[in-house]
Amino acid sequence: MSTITIVIFIGTLLAVLTRPRGLNEGIAALIGAVLMLLVGAVSVPSALHVLAINWNVFLFFLGMLTVTGLAEQAGIFAWLAIAAARLARGSQRLLLLNVFLLGVLVSTFLTNDATALVLTPIVYSVVRRLDLDPLPYLFTCTFIADTASLTLPVSNPINLIIGDHFALTTLDFLRYLLVPSIAAIAVNMAVFFLLFHRRIRERFDMTTIRPEAPAAHPQFFRYTALVLVLLALAFVGAGSTGVPAGIVAAVGAALLLAGAQGWRVLNPRRFVQDFSWGIFPFVAGLFVVVRGVESVGLTSPVAHTLHGAGGNVLLTALLSTGVSALGTNLINNVPMALVLLSAIGPTHGAVGHALVYGAILGCDLGPNLTTTGSLSTMLWLLLLRQRGLQVSSLHYARYGILVTPLMLVVTSGLLGVMA
């Protein structure tokens, strides 16, 4: 049974990462889940149970994908990108800084996926209008998407998966991850400004940034902006009181849908086409596949490694972060996060904090090392190719190897001190 389970697990991950013959990653994960059921590694009741207890994750995805799609239709992201260019006042350095800050804002309150997948094409459009080298700004979009996703439970789906399992609140995240998050962002920005300093020296012509035409539906634009602000505040407040993030996201989505319907601005065809439906079978399939791995004890070696530091809090933080980051780049951050839930086990005191938050650091920041670390990075590459830009895995890793290990060491060291 163990051998068959391992083969299904590895085969599923390879299919997700390589997408043979264009196979959708969601379908690949679903096939892996079905195979786990067929060979008896997971029973049907067990599969249904693991999906049911993670209802908050699925509701959060549904809500935030809806919010992000409607905000894009309202023109919010395009307005933000144009504002970032205008505020740069012709300076490429300031423009890069503004893209960083915009990415931090979007990732923190609207998830890292919104930064990588929605902001990227808009930033590309703006820098092309300015006749600038787009790569420094596009690399900023994908890197800051993960780098700035530590702060809140809603900043990264990984945070929600791990946070739900260990009953972490927003205040818990802020207590242990706010300072490491600020440090990670500072490191990312500093390294990128050094790496790209020759490519962002010249000024750009401000006259190419002409005033945008008024939003097609100004009232819906203002309404959407207000809902997004209220939603961000609600995430912070609800997360501090234990209200599930999925419910908050669903309420925000309902408000925007009601507004879009009331002003008759909803484009159903575009909304359905742009909606990332594949995320649901992808996550659901991986939940079941990893449950199969757990059932035959295959997470035990990871657990043994994680607990190898004994009672040393700093070493535990470094070890948890390192193992999580390594696993993330080997098998992608979503399955690695699910493996870690089983491997960490019950937690107690400072060592438990180091294990849990170290896992979040590794799964959130680790994907910046390679193109296979997270689904959003893989889709970011696809977005670039659709626009005629080729970025190889080696090209990406050249930047990742300079930024990611430094961020991981700095943040896990801070966690070890704070835990």
Protein backbone atom coordinates (compact mmCIF):
# COMPACT_ATOMS: atom_id res chain seq x y z
CA MET A 1 0.00 0.00 0.00
CA SER A 2 2.81 2.43 0.90
CA THR A 3 4.51 1.96 -2.46
CA ILE A 4 1.31 2.54 -4.42
CA THR A 5 0.50 5.61 -2.31
CA ILE A 6 3.96 7.07 -2.91
CA VAL A 7 3.64 6.49 -6.66
CA ILE A 8 0.23 8.22 -6.75
CA PHE A 9 1.54 11.12 -4.64
CA ILE A 10 4.63 11.69 -6.77
CA GLY A 11 2.70 11.20 -10.01
CA THR A 12 0.08 13.73 -8.94
CA LEU A 13 2.70 16.32 -8.03
CA LEU A 14 4.61 15.82 -11.29
CA ALA A 15 1.40 16.22 -13.26
CA VAL A 16 0.56 19.42 -11.35
CA LEU A 17 4.03 20.90 -11.84
CA THR A 18 4.64 19.89 -15.47
CA ARG A 19 1.06 19.95 -16.84
CA PRO A 20 1.65 17.25 -19.51
CA ARG A 21 -0.25 17.94 -22.74
CA GLY A 22 -1.67 21.06 -21.12
CA LEU A 23 -3.43 19.08 -18.37
CA ASN A 24 -5.08 21.47 -15.93
CA GLU A 25 -3.51 21.26 -12.46
CA GLY A 26 -6.97 20.99 -10.91
CA ILE A 27 -7.81 17.94 -13.01
CA ALA A 28 -4.40 16.42 -12.18
CA ALA A 29 -5.03 16.81 -8.44
CA LEU A 30 -8.54 15.40 -8.81
CA ILE A 31 -7.23 12.34 -10.67
CA GLY A 32 -4.73 11.78 -7.86
CA ALA A 33 -7.53 11.98 -5.29
CA VAL A 34 -9.67 9.46 -7.20
CA LEU A 35 -6.72 7.07 -7.41
CA MET A 36 -6.19 7.36 -3.64
CA LEU A 37 -9.83 6.36 -3.17
CA LEU A 38 -9.61 3.48 -5.66
CA VAL A 39 -6.55 1.88 -4.04
CA GLY A 40 -8.05 2.27 -0.57
CA ALA A 41 -5.44 4.69 0.80
CA VAL A 42 -8.33 7.01 1.69
CA SER A 43 -11.90 5.97 2.39
CA VAL A 44 -14.81 7.93 0.98
CA PRO A 45 -16.00 9.02 4.48
CA SER A 46 -12.46 10.17 5.33
CA ALA A 47 -12.22 12.16 2.07
CA LEU A 48 -15.58 13.80 2.67
CA HIS A 49 -14.56 14.60 6.24
CA VAL A 50 -11.30 16.31 5.26
CA LEU A 51 -13.16 18.41 2.68
CA ALA A 52 -15.96 19.29 5.10
CA ILE A 53 -13.68 20.45 7.91
CA ASN A 54 -11.92 22.79 5.47
CA TRP A 55 -15.11 24.53 4.33
CA ASN A 56 -13.66 27.89 5.39
CA VAL A 57 -10.83 27.55 2.88
CA PHE A 58 -13.17 26.82 -0.03
CA LEU A 59 -15.59 29.60 0.95
CA PHE A 60 -12.66 32.02 1.21
CA PHE A 61 -11.49 31.11 -2.30
CA LEU A 62 -15.01 31.55 -3.67
CA GLY A 63 -15.44 34.92 -1.99
CA MET A 64 -12.05 36.38 -2.83
CA LEU A 65 -12.05 35.23 -6.45
CA THR A 66 -15.42 36.94 -6.82
CA VAL A 67 -14.22 40.11 -5.09
CA THR A 68 -11.05 40.26 -7.17
CA GLY A 69 -12.88 39.65 -10.45
CA LEU A 70 -15.48 42.35 -9.80
CA ALA A 71 -12.86 44.83 -8.55
CA GLU A 72 -10.97 44.30 -11.80
CA GLN A 73 -14.15 44.88 -13.83
CA ALA A 74 -14.76 48.08 -11.85
CA GLY A 75 -11.31 49.33 -12.88
CA ILE A 76 -9.82 49.49 -9.37
CA PHE A 77 -6.52 47.80 -10.21
CA ALA A 78 -6.00 49.79 -13.41
CA TRP A 79 -6.63 53.02 -11.49
CA LEU A 80 -4.10 52.03 -8.83
CA ALA A 81 -1.43 51.20 -11.42
CA ILE A 82 -1.92 54.50 -13.24
CA ALA A 83 -1.77 56.35 -9.93
CA ALA A 84 1.51 54.59 -9.11
CA ALA A 85 2.98 55.75 -12.43
CA ARG A 86 1.84 59.35 -11.97
CA LEU A 87 3.19 59.52 -8.42
CA ALA A 88 6.60 58.38 -9.72
CA ARG A 89 6.90 61.74 -11.54
CA GLY A 90 9.12 60.35 -14.28
CA SER A 91 11.47 58.41 -11.99
CA GLN A 92 11.85 54.72 -12.73
CA ARG A 93 13.22 54.15 -9.23
CA LEU A 94 10.09 55.67 -7.72
CA LEU A 95 7.94 53.69 -10.11
CA LEU A 96 9.57 50.44 -8.96
CA LEU A 97 9.07 51.50 -5.35
CA ASN A 98 5.41 52.28 -6.05
CA VAL A 99 4.88 48.87 -7.67
CA PHE A 100 6.39 47.29 -4.56
CA LEU A 101 4.07 49.28 -2.30
CA LEU A 102 1.06 48.52 -4.47
CA GLY A 103 1.92 44.83 -4.33
CA VAL A 104 2.21 45.01 -0.54
CA LEU A 105 -1.21 46.64 -0.31
CA VAL A 106 -2.95 44.16 -2.60
CA SER A 107 -1.23 41.05 -1.21
CA THR A 108 -1.91 41.97 2.40
CA PHE A 109 -5.64 42.52 2.04
CA LEU A 110 -6.65 40.75 -1.21
CA THR A 111 -4.28 37.72 -1.21
CA ASN A 112 -1.03 37.19 -3.05
CA ASP A 113 -2.87 35.65 -6.01
CA ALA A 114 -4.48 39.01 -6.81
CA THR A 115 -1.04 40.63 -6.98
CA ALA A 116 0.51 37.98 -9.19
CA LEU A 117 -2.43 37.31 -11.49
CA VAL A 118 -4.42 40.55 -11.66
CA LEU A 119 -1.83 43.25 -11.05
CA THR A 120 0.80 41.71 -13.36
CA PRO A 121 -1.02 42.30 -16.70
CA ILE A 122 -2.05 45.80 -15.63
CA VAL A 123 1.50 46.77 -14.61
CA TYR A 124 2.74 45.30 -17.91
CA SER A 125 0.28 47.46 -19.83
CA VAL A 126 1.36 50.61 -17.98
CA VAL A 127 5.12 50.11 -18.38
CA ARG A 128 4.66 49.28 -22.06
CA ARG A 129 2.82 52.57 -22.53
CA LEU A 130 5.82 54.24 -20.89
CA ASP A 131 8.18 52.36 -23.26
CA LEU A 132 10.12 50.87 -20.34
CA ASP A 133 11.87 47.55 -19.83
CA PRO A 134 9.00 45.59 -18.24
CA LEU A 135 10.95 42.82 -16.51
CA PRO A 136 12.04 44.67 -13.33
CA TYR A 137 8.41 45.62 -12.67
CA LEU A 138 6.99 42.21 -13.59
CA PHE A 139 9.50 40.38 -11.40
CA THR A 140 8.50 42.76 -8.62
CA CYS A 141 4.86 41.72 -9.04
CA THR A 142 5.51 38.01 -8.59
CA PHE A 143 8.12 38.31 -5.85
CA ILE A 144 6.26 40.81 -3.69
CA ALA A 145 3.09 38.73 -4.07
CA ASP A 146 4.65 36.03 -1.89
CA THR A 147 6.98 38.24 0.13
CA ALA A 148 4.14 40.44 1.39
CA SER A 149 1.80 37.54 2.10
CA LEU A 150 2.87 36.88 5.70
CA THR A 151 1.03 39.57 7.57
CA LEU A 152 -2.59 38.40 7.85
CA PRO A 153 -4.41 35.06 7.62
CA VAL A 154 -6.07 36.31 4.41
CA SER A 155 -2.83 37.39 2.74
CA ASN A 156 -2.09 33.90 1.46
CA PRO A 157 -4.29 30.79 1.19
CA ILE A 158 -1.44 28.91 2.90
CA ASN A 159 -1.92 31.14 5.95
CA LEU A 160 -5.58 30.23 6.03
CA ILE A 161 -4.93 26.49 5.71
CA ILE A 162 -2.34 26.45 8.50
CA GLY A 163 -4.13 29.09 10.56
CA ASP A 164 -7.42 27.20 10.52
CA HIS A 165 -5.72 23.98 11.59
CA PHE A 166 -3.95 25.58 14.56
CA ALA A 167 -6.74 28.09 15.37
CA LEU A 168 -4.56 31.16 14.77
CA THR A 169 -6.15 34.61 14.92
CA THR A 170 -5.18 37.85 13.21
CA LEU A 171 -3.62 39.03 16.46
CA ASP A 172 -1.49 35.87 16.52
CA PHE A 173 -0.26 36.59 13.00
CA LEU A 174 0.52 40.20 13.83
CA ARG A 175 2.30 39.25 17.03
CA TYR A 176 4.66 36.72 15.45
CA LEU A 177 4.80 37.63 11.76
CA LEU A 178 4.40 41.42 11.42
CA VAL A 179 8.06 42.17 12.15
CA PRO A 180 9.36 39.29 9.99
CA SER A 181 6.99 40.44 7.23
CA ILE A 182 8.36 43.99 7.30
CA ALA A 183 11.90 42.59 7.29
CA ALA A 184 11.17 40.32 4.31
CA ILE A 185 9.68 43.20 2.31
CA ALA A 186 12.69 45.41 3.14
CA VAL A 187 15.14 42.68 2.06
CA ASN A 188 13.24 42.03 -1.18
CA MET A 189 13.16 45.72 -2.03
CA ALA A 190 16.83 46.31 -1.18
CA VAL A 191 18.06 43.36 -3.24
CA PHE A 192 15.88 44.24 -6.23
CA PHE A 193 17.00 47.87 -6.24
CA LEU A 194 20.60 46.63 -6.30
CA LEU A 195 19.92 44.04 -9.01
CA PHE A 196 18.00 46.39 -11.29
CA HIS A 197 19.69 49.72 -10.54
CA ARG A 198 21.21 50.00 -14.04
CA ARG A 199 17.90 49.20 -15.72
CA ILE A 200 15.92 51.83 -13.82
CA ARG A 201 18.31 54.77 -14.00
CA GLU A 202 16.67 56.63 -16.87
CA ARG A 203 13.60 58.81 -16.46
CA PHE A 204 10.43 58.26 -18.41
CA ASP A 205 8.22 60.71 -20.26
CA MET A 206 5.34 61.75 -18.02
CA THR A 207 3.30 63.00 -20.97
CA THR A 208 2.61 59.42 -22.03
CA ILE A 209 0.55 59.05 -18.86
CA ARG A 210 -2.53 60.87 -20.00
CA PRO A 211 -5.53 61.27 -17.78
CA GLU A 212 -7.64 58.16 -17.92
CA ALA A 213 -11.16 58.36 -19.21
CA PRO A 214 -13.70 58.35 -16.39
CA ALA A 215 -14.69 54.90 -15.20
CA ALA A 216 -17.45 53.40 -17.31
CA HIS A 217 -19.57 53.22 -14.18
CA PRO A 218 -18.24 55.83 -11.70
CA GLN A 219 -20.81 54.96 -9.05
CA PHE A 220 -19.90 51.27 -9.11
CA PHE A 221 -16.20 52.22 -9.06
CA ARG A 222 -16.67 54.28 -5.89
CA TYR A 223 -18.92 51.64 -4.36
CA THR A 224 -16.33 48.92 -5.06
CA ALA A 225 -13.54 51.02 -3.54
CA LEU A 226 -15.62 51.52 -0.40
CA VAL A 227 -16.45 47.81 -0.13
CA LEU A 228 -12.76 46.90 -0.51
CA VAL A 229 -11.76 49.25 2.31
CA LEU A 230 -14.52 47.89 4.54
CA LEU A 231 -13.55 44.33 3.61
CA ALA A 232 -9.93 44.94 4.60
CA LEU A 233 -11.03 46.34 7.96
CA ALA A 234 -13.45 43.44 8.41
CA PHE A 235 -10.71 40.89 7.79
CA VAL A 236 -8.58 42.43 10.53
CA GLY A 237 -11.47 42.77 12.95
CA ALA A 238 -13.06 39.38 12.27
CA GLY A 239 -9.73 37.58 12.39
CA SER A 240 -9.09 39.05 15.83
CA THR A 241 -12.42 37.74 17.14
CA GLY A 242 -12.37 34.33 15.51
CA VAL A 243 -14.95 34.95 12.78
CA PRO A 244 -13.99 32.71 9.80
CA ALA A 245 -12.37 34.57 6.93
CA GLY A 246 -14.53 32.66 4.46
CA ILE A 247 -17.67 34.23 5.84
CA VAL A 248 -16.18 37.73 5.62
CA ALA A 249 -15.04 37.11 2.03
CA ALA A 250 -18.47 35.76 1.10
CA VAL A 251 -20.20 38.84 2.53
CA GLY A 252 -17.84 41.11 0.58
CA ALA A 253 -18.51 39.14 -2.61
CA ALA A 254 -22.27 39.36 -2.03
CA LEU A 255 -22.08 43.13 -1.58
CA LEU A 256 -20.13 43.58 -4.82
CA LEU A 257 -22.40 41.24 -6.73
CA ALA A 258 -25.43 43.15 -5.47
CA GLY A 259 -23.84 46.44 -6.52
CA ALA A 260 -22.89 45.10 -9.95
CA GLN A 261 -26.40 43.80 -10.45
CA GLY A 262 -28.00 47.01 -9.18
CA TRP A 263 -25.98 49.20 -11.56
CA ARG A 264 -26.25 46.58 -14.33
CA VAL A 265 -22.51 46.51 -14.86
CA LEU A 266 -21.84 42.80 -14.43
CA ASN A 267 -20.41 41.12 -17.51
CA PRO A 268 -21.38 37.50 -16.80
CA ARG A 269 -19.44 36.00 -19.70
CA ARG A 270 -16.22 37.81 -18.79
CA PHE A 271 -16.72 37.04 -15.11
CA VAL A 272 -17.20 33.31 -15.73
CA GLN A 273 -14.29 33.13 -18.20
CA ASP A 274 -11.87 34.96 -15.88
CA PHE A 275 -12.92 33.07 -12.75
CA SER A 276 -10.20 30.61 -11.66
CA TRP A 277 -12.46 27.58 -11.30
CA GLY A 278 -9.52 25.20 -11.31
CA ILE A 279 -8.46 26.24 -7.81
CA PHE A 280 -11.30 24.22 -6.25
CA PRO A 281 -10.49 20.76 -7.68
CA PHE A 282 -6.79 21.59 -7.23
CA VAL A 283 -7.08 22.22 -3.49
CA ALA A 284 -9.75 19.57 -2.90
CA GLY A 285 -7.73 16.94 -4.74
CA LEU A 286 -4.58 17.75 -2.82
CA PHE A 287 -6.42 17.56 0.51
CA VAL A 288 -7.40 13.97 -0.31
CA VAL A 289 -4.01 13.02 -1.81
CA VAL A 290 -2.14 14.24 1.26
CA ARG A 291 -4.64 12.45 3.51
CA GLY A 292 -3.59 9.26 1.70
CA VAL A 293 0.06 10.06 2.42
CA GLU A 294 -0.77 10.58 6.09
CA SER A 295 -2.73 7.33 6.34
CA VAL A 296 0.33 5.21 5.57
CA GLY A 297 2.70 7.23 7.77
CA LEU A 298 4.71 8.86 5.00
CA THR A 299 4.80 12.22 6.82
CA SER A 300 6.75 10.71 9.75
CA PRO A 301 10.24 11.50 8.33
CA VAL A 302 9.24 15.16 7.95
CA ALA A 303 7.92 15.18 11.52
CA HIS A 304 11.14 13.64 12.81
CA THR A 305 13.21 16.30 11.04
CA LEU A 306 11.05 19.19 12.25
CA HIS A 307 11.30 18.08 15.86
CA GLY A 308 15.02 17.41 15.65
CA ALA A 309 16.04 20.65 17.36
CA GLY A 310 14.72 19.57 20.75
CA GLY A 311 13.81 22.55 22.89
CA ASN A 312 15.98 25.12 21.11
CA VAL A 313 13.51 27.73 19.87
CA LEU A 314 15.83 29.55 17.46
CA LEU A 315 17.09 26.33 15.89
CA THR A 316 13.51 25.05 15.63
CA ALA A 317 12.45 28.23 13.80
CA LEU A 318 15.37 27.93 11.37
CA LEU A 319 14.71 24.22 10.85
CA SER A 320 10.96 24.57 10.34
CA THR A 321 11.43 27.45 7.89
CA GLY A 322 14.17 25.64 5.98
CA VAL A 323 12.34 22.31 5.70
CA SER A 324 9.14 24.06 4.63
CA ALA A 325 10.92 26.16 2.00
CA LEU A 326 12.76 23.13 0.61
CA GLY A 327 9.59 21.07 0.43
CA THR A 328 7.72 23.95 -1.16
CA ASN A 329 10.16 24.08 -4.05
CA LEU A 330 10.16 20.30 -4.45
CA ILE A 331 6.40 19.65 -4.36
CA ASN A 332 4.72 23.12 -4.43
CA ASN A 333 3.60 25.08 -1.36
CA VAL A 334 -0.02 23.86 -1.13
CA PRO A 335 0.78 20.13 -0.78
CA MET A 336 3.76 20.97 1.44
CA ALA A 337 1.54 22.98 3.78
CA LEU A 338 -0.84 20.01 4.01
CA VAL A 339 2.05 17.64 4.77
CA LEU A 340 3.25 20.02 7.49
CA LEU A 341 -0.13 20.01 9.25
CA SER A 342 0.34 16.31 9.94
CA ALA A 343 4.10 16.49 10.55
CA ILE A 344 3.99 19.28 13.13
CA GLY A 345 1.35 17.61 15.28
CA PRO A 346 0.26 19.08 18.64
CA THR A 347 2.12 22.25 19.58
CA HIS A 348 3.11 23.71 22.93
CA GLY A 349 4.81 26.91 24.03
CA ALA A 350 7.59 28.74 22.24
CA VAL A 351 8.82 25.67 20.36
CA GLY A 352 5.31 25.11 19.00
CA HIS A 353 5.13 28.74 17.86
CA ALA A 354 8.50 28.36 16.11
CA LEU A 355 7.29 25.22 14.33
CA VAL A 356 3.97 26.66 13.14
CA TYR A 357 5.09 30.13 12.13
CA GLY A 358 8.32 28.77 10.68
CA ALA A 359 6.19 26.57 8.44
CA ILE A 360 4.26 29.64 7.29
CA LEU A 361 7.50 31.52 6.59
CA GLY A 362 8.84 28.66 4.50
CA CYS A 363 5.63 28.08 2.54
CA ASP A 364 5.01 31.81 1.91
CA LEU A 365 8.54 33.01 1.14
CA GLY A 366 10.04 29.78 -0.17
CA PRO A 367 8.19 29.88 -3.54
CA ASN A 368 10.27 32.91 -4.53
CA LEU A 369 13.21 30.55 -5.07
CA THR A 370 11.90 28.71 -8.15
CA THR A 371 9.06 28.86 -10.65
CA THR A 372 7.48 25.67 -9.29
CA GLY A 373 7.11 26.79 -5.67
CA SER A 374 3.58 28.14 -6.00
CA LEU A 375 0.73 27.93 -8.47
CA SER A 376 0.55 31.73 -8.75
CA THR A 377 4.18 31.88 -9.98
CA MET A 378 3.49 29.19 -12.58
CA LEU A 379 0.47 31.13 -13.81
CA TRP A 380 2.54 34.36 -13.76
CA LEU A 381 4.92 32.72 -16.23
CA LEU A 382 1.96 31.80 -18.43
CA LEU A 383 0.74 35.42 -18.35
CA LEU A 384 4.16 36.61 -19.52
CA ARG A 385 4.32 34.07 -22.34
CA GLN A 386 0.91 35.16 -23.55
CA ARG A 387 2.45 38.64 -23.94
CA GLY A 388 5.52 37.44 -25.80
CA LEU A 389 7.89 37.56 -22.82
CA GLN A 390 10.01 34.48 -22.17
CA VAL A 391 11.40 34.00 -18.67
CA SER A 392 13.14 30.67 -18.17
CA SER A 393 13.23 28.80 -14.88
CA LEU A 394 16.97 29.47 -14.73
CA HIS A 395 16.44 33.21 -15.28
CA TYR A 396 13.89 33.26 -12.46
CA ALA A 397 16.14 31.23 -10.14
CA ARG A 398 19.02 33.68 -10.66
CA TYR A 399 17.01 36.29 -8.81
CA GLY A 400 15.40 33.83 -6.43
CA ILE A 401 18.70 32.48 -5.14
CA LEU A 402 19.86 36.00 -4.30
CA VAL A 403 16.69 37.08 -2.51
CA THR A 404 14.98 34.06 -0.98
CA PRO A 405 17.65 32.48 1.26
CA LEU A 406 18.43 35.89 2.74
CA MET A 407 14.75 36.54 3.49
CA LEU A 408 14.34 33.08 5.03
CA VAL A 409 17.36 33.44 7.32
CA VAL A 410 16.43 36.96 8.46
CA THR A 411 12.76 36.19 9.09
CA SER A 412 13.30 32.83 10.80
CA GLY A 413 15.97 34.41 12.99
CA LEU A 414 13.54 37.12 14.02
CA LEU A 415 10.85 34.51 14.66
CA GLY A 416 13.24 32.49 16.82
CA VAL A 417 13.89 35.55 18.96
CA MET A 418 10.23 36.59 19.17
CA ALA A 419 8.70 33.15 19.78
